[in-house]
N, C-alpha and C. Protein backbone atom coordinates (compact mmCIF):
# COMPACT_ATOMS: atom_id res chain seq x y z
N PRO A 1 25.56 10.72 -17.47
CA PRO A 1 24.51 9.72 -17.63
C PRO A 1 23.13 10.39 -17.76
N ASP A 2 22.19 9.67 -18.36
CA ASP A 2 20.83 10.17 -18.51
C ASP A 2 20.09 10.21 -17.19
N ALA A 3 20.42 9.31 -16.28
CA ALA A 3 19.71 9.25 -15.00
C ALA A 3 20.70 8.92 -13.89
N LEU A 4 20.50 9.53 -12.76
CA LEU A 4 21.27 9.22 -11.56
C LEU A 4 20.31 8.65 -10.54
N ILE A 5 20.75 7.64 -9.80
CA ILE A 5 19.90 7.01 -8.80
C ILE A 5 20.60 7.09 -7.45
N PHE A 6 19.89 7.62 -6.48
CA PHE A 6 20.38 7.66 -5.11
C PHE A 6 19.48 6.74 -4.30
N LYS A 7 20.08 5.80 -3.54
CA LYS A 7 19.29 4.85 -2.76
C LYS A 7 19.68 4.93 -1.30
N PHE A 8 18.71 4.74 -0.44
CA PHE A 8 19.01 4.52 0.96
C PHE A 8 17.91 3.67 1.56
N PHE A 9 18.27 2.87 2.55
CA PHE A 9 17.36 1.93 3.19
C PHE A 9 16.53 2.65 4.23
N CYS A 10 15.25 2.35 4.27
CA CYS A 10 14.41 2.90 5.32
C CYS A 10 13.38 1.85 5.71
N VAL A 11 12.74 2.05 6.82
CA VAL A 11 11.73 1.12 7.30
C VAL A 11 10.43 1.88 7.44
N GLY A 12 9.37 1.34 6.84
CA GLY A 12 8.06 1.95 6.93
C GLY A 12 7.02 0.87 7.16
N ASN A 13 6.15 1.06 8.10
CA ASN A 13 5.10 0.08 8.42
C ASN A 13 5.68 -1.31 8.67
N ASN A 14 6.83 -1.37 9.33
CA ASN A 14 7.50 -2.63 9.66
C ASN A 14 7.92 -3.42 8.43
N THR A 15 7.95 -2.80 7.24
CA THR A 15 8.37 -3.47 6.03
C THR A 15 9.61 -2.79 5.49
N PRO A 16 10.70 -3.54 5.33
CA PRO A 16 11.89 -2.91 4.79
C PRO A 16 11.69 -2.54 3.32
N ILE A 17 12.04 -1.32 2.98
CA ILE A 17 11.97 -0.87 1.59
C ILE A 17 13.18 -0.01 1.32
N PHE A 18 13.45 0.22 0.09
CA PHE A 18 14.50 1.13 -0.30
C PHE A 18 13.83 2.38 -0.84
N GLU A 19 14.36 3.52 -0.46
CA GLU A 19 13.85 4.77 -0.99
C GLU A 19 14.86 5.26 -2.02
N GLU A 20 14.37 5.69 -3.16
CA GLU A 20 15.25 6.10 -4.23
C GLU A 20 14.85 7.48 -4.73
N PHE A 21 15.80 8.18 -5.26
CA PHE A 21 15.54 9.44 -5.94
C PHE A 21 16.09 9.31 -7.35
N PHE A 22 15.25 9.47 -8.33
CA PHE A 22 15.67 9.46 -9.72
C PHE A 22 15.84 10.91 -10.15
N VAL A 23 16.93 11.18 -10.82
CA VAL A 23 17.13 12.50 -11.39
C VAL A 23 17.28 12.28 -12.89
N MET A 24 16.23 12.62 -13.61
CA MET A 24 16.21 12.45 -15.06
C MET A 24 15.92 13.80 -15.70
N ALA A 25 16.84 14.26 -16.52
CA ALA A 25 16.68 15.52 -17.24
C ALA A 25 16.23 16.64 -16.30
N LYS A 26 16.89 16.74 -15.16
CA LYS A 26 16.60 17.76 -14.16
C LYS A 26 15.18 17.69 -13.63
N HIS A 27 14.59 16.50 -13.65
CA HIS A 27 13.23 16.31 -13.12
C HIS A 27 13.28 15.23 -12.04
N PRO A 28 13.53 15.62 -10.77
CA PRO A 28 13.67 14.61 -9.72
C PRO A 28 12.35 13.93 -9.39
N VAL A 29 12.41 12.63 -9.19
CA VAL A 29 11.24 11.84 -8.82
C VAL A 29 11.63 10.94 -7.66
N LYS A 30 10.98 11.10 -6.53
CA LYS A 30 11.23 10.26 -5.37
C LYS A 30 10.43 8.97 -5.56
N THR A 31 11.10 7.83 -5.42
CA THR A 31 10.42 6.54 -5.55
C THR A 31 10.76 5.65 -4.36
N PHE A 32 9.91 4.66 -4.15
CA PHE A 32 10.16 3.63 -3.15
C PHE A 32 10.40 2.33 -3.90
N PHE A 33 11.16 1.42 -3.30
CA PHE A 33 11.44 0.12 -3.92
C PHE A 33 10.81 -0.97 -3.06
N TYR A 34 9.94 -1.78 -3.69
CA TYR A 34 9.25 -2.85 -2.98
C TYR A 34 9.71 -4.20 -3.50
N LYS A 35 9.97 -5.10 -2.56
CA LYS A 35 10.34 -6.47 -2.92
C LYS A 35 9.09 -7.35 -2.88
N GLN A 36 8.97 -8.22 -3.85
CA GLN A 36 7.80 -9.09 -3.98
C GLN A 36 7.58 -9.92 -2.72
N ALA A 37 8.65 -10.43 -2.15
CA ALA A 37 8.53 -11.30 -0.98
C ALA A 37 7.86 -10.60 0.20
N GLU A 38 8.14 -9.31 0.39
CA GLU A 38 7.56 -8.59 1.53
C GLU A 38 6.29 -7.84 1.15
N TYR A 39 6.08 -7.61 -0.11
CA TYR A 39 5.03 -6.69 -0.56
C TYR A 39 3.75 -7.42 -0.98
N LEU A 40 3.81 -8.15 -2.07
CA LEU A 40 2.59 -8.77 -2.61
C LEU A 40 2.24 -10.08 -1.95
N SER A 41 3.18 -10.69 -1.27
CA SER A 41 2.89 -11.99 -0.68
C SER A 41 2.14 -11.87 0.65
N GLY A 42 1.94 -10.68 1.15
CA GLY A 42 1.23 -10.48 2.40
C GLY A 42 -0.27 -10.69 2.24
N PRO A 43 -0.95 -11.00 3.32
CA PRO A 43 -2.39 -11.27 3.26
C PRO A 43 -3.21 -10.06 2.82
N GLU A 44 -2.68 -8.87 3.00
CA GLU A 44 -3.39 -7.66 2.61
C GLU A 44 -3.69 -7.64 1.11
N PHE A 45 -2.78 -8.23 0.32
CA PHE A 45 -2.96 -8.24 -1.13
C PHE A 45 -3.53 -9.55 -1.63
N ASN A 46 -3.68 -10.52 -0.76
CA ASN A 46 -4.35 -11.77 -1.07
C ASN A 46 -3.81 -12.43 -2.34
N ALA A 47 -2.52 -12.37 -2.54
CA ALA A 47 -1.89 -13.00 -3.70
C ALA A 47 -1.36 -14.36 -3.27
N ASP A 48 -1.64 -15.36 -4.05
CA ASP A 48 -1.19 -16.71 -3.75
C ASP A 48 0.32 -16.78 -3.97
N ALA A 49 1.07 -16.97 -2.90
CA ALA A 49 2.53 -16.99 -2.99
C ALA A 49 3.10 -18.32 -2.54
N ASP A 50 2.52 -19.41 -3.02
CA ASP A 50 3.01 -20.73 -2.66
C ASP A 50 4.40 -21.01 -3.23
N VAL A 51 4.73 -20.35 -4.32
CA VAL A 51 6.03 -20.51 -4.97
C VAL A 51 6.81 -19.22 -4.77
N HIS A 52 8.02 -19.33 -4.20
CA HIS A 52 8.83 -18.14 -3.92
C HIS A 52 9.08 -17.35 -5.21
N GLY A 53 8.78 -16.06 -5.18
CA GLY A 53 9.02 -15.19 -6.32
C GLY A 53 7.93 -15.19 -7.37
N PHE A 54 6.84 -15.87 -7.10
CA PHE A 54 5.73 -15.98 -8.05
C PHE A 54 4.41 -15.89 -7.29
N SER A 55 3.51 -15.04 -7.76
CA SER A 55 2.20 -14.96 -7.12
C SER A 55 1.12 -14.73 -8.18
N VAL A 56 -0.07 -15.20 -7.88
CA VAL A 56 -1.22 -15.10 -8.78
C VAL A 56 -2.36 -14.43 -8.04
N ARG A 57 -3.03 -13.53 -8.73
CA ARG A 57 -4.26 -12.90 -8.22
C ARG A 57 -5.33 -13.18 -9.25
N TYR A 58 -6.42 -13.81 -8.82
CA TYR A 58 -7.49 -14.14 -9.76
C TYR A 58 -8.80 -13.52 -9.29
N ASN A 59 -9.39 -12.70 -10.15
CA ASN A 59 -10.67 -12.03 -9.88
C ASN A 59 -10.70 -11.37 -8.50
N GLN A 60 -9.73 -10.54 -8.25
CA GLN A 60 -9.66 -9.85 -6.97
C GLN A 60 -9.92 -8.36 -7.14
N ALA A 61 -10.54 -7.81 -6.12
CA ALA A 61 -10.78 -6.37 -6.12
C ALA A 61 -9.45 -5.63 -6.09
N PHE A 62 -9.37 -4.56 -6.86
CA PHE A 62 -8.18 -3.70 -6.87
C PHE A 62 -8.65 -2.35 -6.37
N TYR A 63 -8.01 -1.84 -5.38
CA TYR A 63 -8.47 -0.61 -4.75
C TYR A 63 -7.30 0.35 -4.58
N GLU A 64 -7.64 1.59 -4.36
CA GLU A 64 -6.60 2.58 -4.11
C GLU A 64 -5.93 2.26 -2.79
N HIS A 65 -4.63 2.25 -2.79
CA HIS A 65 -3.85 1.90 -1.61
C HIS A 65 -2.76 2.94 -1.44
N ASP A 66 -2.45 3.30 -0.21
CA ASP A 66 -1.44 4.32 0.05
C ASP A 66 -0.09 3.98 -0.57
N LEU A 67 0.25 2.69 -0.63
CA LEU A 67 1.54 2.29 -1.19
C LEU A 67 1.66 2.62 -2.67
N PHE A 68 0.52 2.68 -3.36
CA PHE A 68 0.53 2.93 -4.80
C PHE A 68 0.48 4.40 -5.16
N LYS A 69 0.18 5.27 -4.20
CA LYS A 69 -0.05 6.69 -4.50
C LYS A 69 1.23 7.48 -4.75
N ASP A 70 2.36 6.96 -4.29
CA ASP A 70 3.65 7.58 -4.55
C ASP A 70 4.38 6.75 -5.60
N HIS A 71 5.30 7.38 -6.29
CA HIS A 71 6.09 6.64 -7.28
C HIS A 71 6.86 5.53 -6.57
N PHE A 72 6.90 4.37 -7.23
CA PHE A 72 7.65 3.24 -6.66
C PHE A 72 8.21 2.38 -7.79
N ARG A 73 9.15 1.56 -7.42
CA ARG A 73 9.70 0.54 -8.31
C ARG A 73 9.63 -0.78 -7.55
N SER A 74 9.85 -1.88 -8.27
CA SER A 74 9.76 -3.18 -7.61
C SER A 74 10.77 -4.14 -8.22
N ASP A 75 10.91 -5.29 -7.58
CA ASP A 75 11.81 -6.32 -8.09
C ASP A 75 11.04 -7.40 -8.85
N PHE A 76 9.79 -7.15 -9.20
CA PHE A 76 8.98 -8.15 -9.88
C PHE A 76 8.30 -7.60 -11.12
N LEU A 77 8.07 -8.47 -12.07
CA LEU A 77 7.32 -8.14 -13.27
C LEU A 77 5.85 -8.42 -13.00
N THR A 78 4.98 -7.59 -13.53
CA THR A 78 3.54 -7.77 -13.35
C THR A 78 2.86 -7.87 -14.70
N VAL A 79 1.99 -8.86 -14.84
CA VAL A 79 1.09 -8.98 -15.98
C VAL A 79 -0.31 -8.93 -15.38
N LEU A 80 -1.08 -7.88 -15.72
CA LEU A 80 -2.36 -7.62 -15.06
C LEU A 80 -3.46 -7.46 -16.09
N LEU A 81 -4.52 -8.22 -15.95
CA LEU A 81 -5.70 -8.11 -16.81
C LEU A 81 -6.79 -7.39 -16.03
N ILE A 82 -7.33 -6.34 -16.61
CA ILE A 82 -8.45 -5.63 -15.99
C ILE A 82 -9.72 -6.37 -16.39
N VAL A 83 -10.32 -7.05 -15.43
CA VAL A 83 -11.53 -7.84 -15.67
C VAL A 83 -12.76 -6.94 -15.68
N LYS A 84 -12.73 -5.94 -14.81
CA LYS A 84 -13.85 -5.02 -14.68
C LYS A 84 -13.31 -3.71 -14.11
N GLY A 85 -13.90 -2.59 -14.49
CA GLY A 85 -13.52 -1.32 -13.91
C GLY A 85 -12.46 -0.60 -14.72
N GLU A 86 -11.75 0.32 -14.05
CA GLU A 86 -10.79 1.19 -14.72
C GLU A 86 -9.71 1.64 -13.74
N ILE A 87 -8.47 1.69 -14.23
CA ILE A 87 -7.34 2.15 -13.44
C ILE A 87 -6.55 3.18 -14.25
N THR A 88 -6.30 4.33 -13.66
CA THR A 88 -5.42 5.32 -14.26
C THR A 88 -4.11 5.28 -13.49
N PHE A 89 -3.01 5.11 -14.22
CA PHE A 89 -1.70 4.92 -13.59
C PHE A 89 -0.63 5.55 -14.46
N SER A 90 0.57 5.65 -13.91
CA SER A 90 1.70 6.10 -14.72
C SER A 90 2.81 5.07 -14.64
N LEU A 91 3.48 4.91 -15.77
CA LEU A 91 4.68 4.08 -15.87
C LEU A 91 5.77 4.93 -16.49
N ASN A 92 6.88 5.00 -15.79
CA ASN A 92 7.99 5.83 -16.24
C ASN A 92 7.53 7.25 -16.58
N LEU A 93 6.67 7.76 -15.68
CA LEU A 93 6.16 9.12 -15.71
C LEU A 93 5.22 9.40 -16.88
N GLU A 94 4.75 8.36 -17.59
CA GLU A 94 3.77 8.52 -18.66
C GLU A 94 2.44 7.94 -18.18
N GLU A 95 1.35 8.70 -18.36
CA GLU A 95 0.05 8.29 -17.83
C GLU A 95 -0.72 7.41 -18.81
N TYR A 96 -1.41 6.39 -18.24
CA TYR A 96 -2.23 5.45 -19.00
C TYR A 96 -3.55 5.24 -18.27
N THR A 97 -4.57 4.82 -19.02
CA THR A 97 -5.83 4.39 -18.42
C THR A 97 -6.17 3.01 -18.96
N ALA A 98 -6.30 2.04 -18.06
CA ALA A 98 -6.63 0.67 -18.41
C ALA A 98 -8.09 0.42 -18.06
N LYS A 99 -8.82 -0.15 -19.00
CA LYS A 99 -10.25 -0.45 -18.81
C LYS A 99 -10.46 -1.94 -18.96
N GLN A 100 -11.72 -2.36 -18.84
CA GLN A 100 -12.05 -3.78 -18.98
C GLN A 100 -11.41 -4.34 -20.25
N ASN A 101 -10.81 -5.52 -20.13
CA ASN A 101 -10.12 -6.25 -21.19
C ASN A 101 -8.77 -5.65 -21.55
N SER A 102 -8.24 -4.74 -20.74
CA SER A 102 -6.89 -4.23 -20.95
C SER A 102 -5.90 -5.15 -20.26
N LEU A 103 -4.77 -5.38 -20.92
CA LEU A 103 -3.68 -6.14 -20.35
C LEU A 103 -2.53 -5.18 -20.12
N VAL A 104 -2.01 -5.16 -18.90
CA VAL A 104 -0.92 -4.25 -18.54
C VAL A 104 0.30 -5.10 -18.21
N ILE A 105 1.43 -4.78 -18.85
CA ILE A 105 2.68 -5.49 -18.59
C ILE A 105 3.66 -4.48 -18.03
N ILE A 106 4.11 -4.73 -16.80
CA ILE A 106 4.92 -3.76 -16.07
C ILE A 106 6.26 -4.39 -15.71
N ALA A 107 7.32 -3.83 -16.25
CA ALA A 107 8.67 -4.32 -15.98
C ALA A 107 9.09 -4.01 -14.55
N PRO A 108 9.99 -4.81 -14.00
CA PRO A 108 10.41 -4.61 -12.61
C PRO A 108 10.98 -3.23 -12.32
N ASN A 109 11.76 -2.70 -13.22
CA ASN A 109 12.45 -1.44 -12.93
C ASN A 109 11.67 -0.20 -13.33
N ALA A 110 10.46 -0.36 -13.84
CA ALA A 110 9.66 0.80 -14.25
C ALA A 110 9.26 1.62 -13.02
N ILE A 111 9.19 2.93 -13.21
CA ILE A 111 8.69 3.81 -12.16
C ILE A 111 7.17 3.77 -12.27
N LYS A 112 6.49 3.38 -11.19
CA LYS A 112 5.05 3.15 -11.21
C LYS A 112 4.34 4.08 -10.23
N LYS A 113 3.08 4.37 -10.54
CA LYS A 113 2.23 5.12 -9.62
C LYS A 113 0.79 4.91 -10.06
N VAL A 114 -0.10 4.63 -9.11
CA VAL A 114 -1.52 4.47 -9.41
C VAL A 114 -2.22 5.75 -8.98
N ALA A 115 -2.92 6.38 -9.93
CA ALA A 115 -3.59 7.66 -9.66
C ALA A 115 -5.03 7.46 -9.23
N VAL A 116 -5.81 6.72 -10.03
CA VAL A 116 -7.24 6.56 -9.77
C VAL A 116 -7.66 5.13 -10.06
N VAL A 117 -8.47 4.57 -9.18
CA VAL A 117 -9.03 3.23 -9.36
C VAL A 117 -10.54 3.34 -9.17
N SER A 118 -11.32 2.88 -10.16
CA SER A 118 -12.77 2.90 -9.98
C SER A 118 -13.14 1.87 -8.91
N LYS A 119 -14.21 2.14 -8.19
CA LYS A 119 -14.58 1.30 -7.04
C LYS A 119 -14.95 -0.12 -7.42
N ASP A 120 -15.32 -0.36 -8.69
CA ASP A 120 -15.75 -1.69 -9.11
C ASP A 120 -14.64 -2.49 -9.78
N THR A 121 -13.39 -2.05 -9.67
CA THR A 121 -12.30 -2.69 -10.41
C THR A 121 -11.97 -4.08 -9.87
N ILE A 122 -11.93 -5.03 -10.80
CA ILE A 122 -11.54 -6.42 -10.53
C ILE A 122 -10.39 -6.74 -11.47
N VAL A 123 -9.33 -7.38 -10.94
CA VAL A 123 -8.17 -7.72 -11.74
C VAL A 123 -7.80 -9.19 -11.56
N SER A 124 -7.10 -9.70 -12.55
CA SER A 124 -6.45 -11.00 -12.47
C SER A 124 -5.05 -10.81 -13.02
N GLY A 125 -4.07 -11.44 -12.39
CA GLY A 125 -2.71 -11.25 -12.89
C GLY A 125 -1.69 -12.11 -12.19
N VAL A 126 -0.48 -12.00 -12.69
CA VAL A 126 0.65 -12.72 -12.11
C VAL A 126 1.79 -11.74 -11.87
N ASN A 127 2.58 -12.04 -10.86
CA ASN A 127 3.79 -11.28 -10.54
C ASN A 127 4.90 -12.30 -10.38
N PHE A 128 6.08 -11.99 -10.95
CA PHE A 128 7.21 -12.90 -10.74
C PHE A 128 8.51 -12.12 -10.77
N THR A 129 9.47 -12.65 -10.04
CA THR A 129 10.78 -12.01 -9.91
C THR A 129 11.77 -12.65 -10.89
N ILE A 130 12.89 -11.98 -11.06
CA ILE A 130 13.97 -12.52 -11.89
C ILE A 130 14.51 -13.80 -11.26
N GLU A 131 14.56 -13.84 -9.91
CA GLU A 131 15.03 -15.05 -9.23
C GLU A 131 14.14 -16.24 -9.57
N PHE A 132 12.82 -16.01 -9.67
CA PHE A 132 11.90 -17.08 -10.05
C PHE A 132 12.22 -17.57 -11.46
N LEU A 133 12.43 -16.64 -12.39
CA LEU A 133 12.74 -17.02 -13.77
C LEU A 133 14.03 -17.82 -13.84
N THR A 134 15.03 -17.41 -13.05
CA THR A 134 16.30 -18.13 -13.00
C THR A 134 16.09 -19.53 -12.42
N ALA A 135 15.27 -19.64 -11.37
CA ALA A 135 15.02 -20.93 -10.72
C ALA A 135 14.32 -21.92 -11.66
N ILE A 136 13.54 -21.42 -12.60
CA ILE A 136 12.86 -22.34 -13.53
C ILE A 136 13.66 -22.57 -14.80
N GLY A 137 14.90 -22.02 -14.84
CA GLY A 137 15.80 -22.35 -15.93
C GLY A 137 16.04 -21.28 -16.97
N LEU A 138 15.44 -20.12 -16.85
CA LEU A 138 15.72 -19.05 -17.81
C LEU A 138 17.06 -18.40 -17.45
N PRO A 139 17.78 -17.91 -18.44
CA PRO A 139 19.08 -17.28 -18.14
C PRO A 139 18.91 -15.99 -17.35
N LYS A 140 19.96 -15.65 -16.62
CA LYS A 140 19.91 -14.46 -15.77
C LYS A 140 19.70 -13.17 -16.56
N ASN A 141 20.08 -13.15 -17.82
CA ASN A 141 19.89 -11.94 -18.62
C ASN A 141 18.46 -11.83 -19.17
N ALA A 142 17.57 -12.70 -18.72
CA ALA A 142 16.17 -12.64 -19.16
C ALA A 142 15.55 -11.30 -18.79
N VAL A 143 15.98 -10.70 -17.69
CA VAL A 143 15.45 -9.40 -17.30
C VAL A 143 15.75 -8.34 -18.35
N GLU A 144 16.91 -8.46 -19.01
CA GLU A 144 17.23 -7.52 -20.07
C GLU A 144 16.23 -7.63 -21.21
N LEU A 145 15.82 -8.85 -21.52
CA LEU A 145 14.80 -9.04 -22.56
C LEU A 145 13.47 -8.44 -22.14
N LEU A 146 13.12 -8.62 -20.88
CA LEU A 146 11.86 -8.06 -20.38
C LEU A 146 11.91 -6.53 -20.40
N ASP A 147 13.03 -5.95 -19.98
CA ASP A 147 13.17 -4.50 -20.02
C ASP A 147 13.12 -3.99 -21.46
N TYR A 148 13.77 -4.71 -22.38
CA TYR A 148 13.74 -4.31 -23.78
C TYR A 148 12.32 -4.36 -24.31
N PHE A 149 11.64 -5.47 -24.04
CA PHE A 149 10.27 -5.66 -24.51
C PHE A 149 9.37 -4.54 -23.99
N SER A 150 9.48 -4.24 -22.71
CA SER A 150 8.60 -3.22 -22.12
C SER A 150 8.97 -1.82 -22.59
N ALA A 151 10.23 -1.60 -22.97
CA ALA A 151 10.64 -0.27 -23.44
C ALA A 151 10.25 -0.06 -24.91
N GLN A 152 10.20 -1.13 -25.69
CA GLN A 152 9.92 -1.02 -27.12
C GLN A 152 8.44 -0.99 -27.46
N PHE A 153 7.61 -1.53 -26.59
CA PHE A 153 6.18 -1.63 -26.86
C PHE A 153 5.38 -0.99 -25.73
N SER A 154 4.18 -0.60 -26.04
CA SER A 154 3.32 -0.01 -25.01
C SER A 154 3.05 -1.04 -23.92
N PRO A 155 3.06 -0.61 -22.66
CA PRO A 155 2.75 -1.55 -21.57
C PRO A 155 1.25 -1.84 -21.47
N LEU A 156 0.45 -1.11 -22.22
CA LEU A 156 -1.01 -1.24 -22.15
C LEU A 156 -1.53 -1.80 -23.47
N TRP A 157 -2.15 -2.97 -23.39
CA TRP A 157 -2.71 -3.60 -24.58
C TRP A 157 -4.22 -3.70 -24.38
N ASN A 158 -4.99 -3.17 -25.31
CA ASN A 158 -6.44 -3.28 -25.26
C ASN A 158 -6.84 -4.50 -26.07
N LEU A 159 -7.24 -5.55 -25.36
CA LEU A 159 -7.57 -6.82 -26.01
C LEU A 159 -9.04 -6.86 -26.40
N ASN A 160 -9.34 -7.67 -27.42
CA ASN A 160 -10.75 -7.90 -27.70
C ASN A 160 -11.27 -8.91 -26.67
N ARG A 161 -12.56 -9.05 -26.59
CA ARG A 161 -13.18 -9.89 -25.55
C ARG A 161 -12.68 -11.33 -25.60
N LYS A 162 -12.51 -11.87 -26.81
CA LYS A 162 -12.09 -13.27 -26.96
C LYS A 162 -10.66 -13.47 -26.44
N ASP A 163 -9.76 -12.56 -26.82
CA ASP A 163 -8.37 -12.68 -26.35
C ASP A 163 -8.27 -12.45 -24.84
N ALA A 164 -9.04 -11.50 -24.32
CA ALA A 164 -9.05 -11.26 -22.87
C ALA A 164 -9.55 -12.50 -22.13
N ALA A 165 -10.55 -13.18 -22.69
CA ALA A 165 -11.07 -14.40 -22.05
C ALA A 165 -10.01 -15.50 -22.01
N LYS A 166 -9.18 -15.59 -23.06
CA LYS A 166 -8.10 -16.59 -23.08
C LYS A 166 -7.06 -16.28 -22.02
N VAL A 167 -6.66 -15.01 -21.91
CA VAL A 167 -5.69 -14.61 -20.88
C VAL A 167 -6.27 -14.87 -19.50
N HIS A 168 -7.54 -14.54 -19.31
CA HIS A 168 -8.21 -14.75 -18.02
C HIS A 168 -8.22 -16.23 -17.65
N LEU A 169 -8.51 -17.09 -18.62
CA LEU A 169 -8.52 -18.54 -18.38
C LEU A 169 -7.11 -19.03 -18.01
N PHE A 170 -6.10 -18.52 -18.69
CA PHE A 170 -4.72 -18.90 -18.38
C PHE A 170 -4.35 -18.52 -16.95
N ILE A 171 -4.72 -17.34 -16.53
CA ILE A 171 -4.45 -16.90 -15.16
C ILE A 171 -5.20 -17.77 -14.15
N LYS A 172 -6.44 -18.12 -14.49
CA LYS A 172 -7.23 -19.01 -13.62
C LYS A 172 -6.53 -20.35 -13.46
N GLN A 173 -5.99 -20.89 -14.56
CA GLN A 173 -5.28 -22.18 -14.50
C GLN A 173 -4.02 -22.06 -13.66
N LEU A 174 -3.33 -20.94 -13.74
CA LEU A 174 -2.15 -20.74 -12.90
C LEU A 174 -2.53 -20.65 -11.42
N ASN A 175 -3.72 -20.15 -11.16
CA ASN A 175 -4.20 -19.99 -9.79
C ASN A 175 -4.56 -21.32 -9.14
N ASN A 176 -4.89 -22.33 -9.95
CA ASN A 176 -5.34 -23.63 -9.41
C ASN A 176 -4.21 -24.53 -9.04
């Protein structure tokens, strides 16, 4: 196989997570696995989690956090609009820099790591799990479509101001 995954359960900061080791082309990468229910729904991230498996962040400060400094994976998809500032991050071991009006689409199984966040960074976005998509009527194989989409296209889209404003308004409406 192209990749081998070793998993074991561990507890850190009173939050259950899975620790994984990816071995890809003889390049091992230690990752952590975070579940949306325990991770983003906490008050520390101030994400509105009124609906199980779905959360919205509108015009919130994004800052460097210890959880983001190591490679990790998650059980949720993220759509994130950079409203202000800049974030340098890696997805599947490839580095990107998102600036104002950038839209970032991050698949659940992607290997993620945040390297640098400017102090003035403000983001708006949504996070949702496959269970949420299934609960609203999408087929269970929808995750395969999301993985395909994220693998075929760049996860970083630099939008013009008008398109970014439309996405921002949509996220605001989801937040209300």
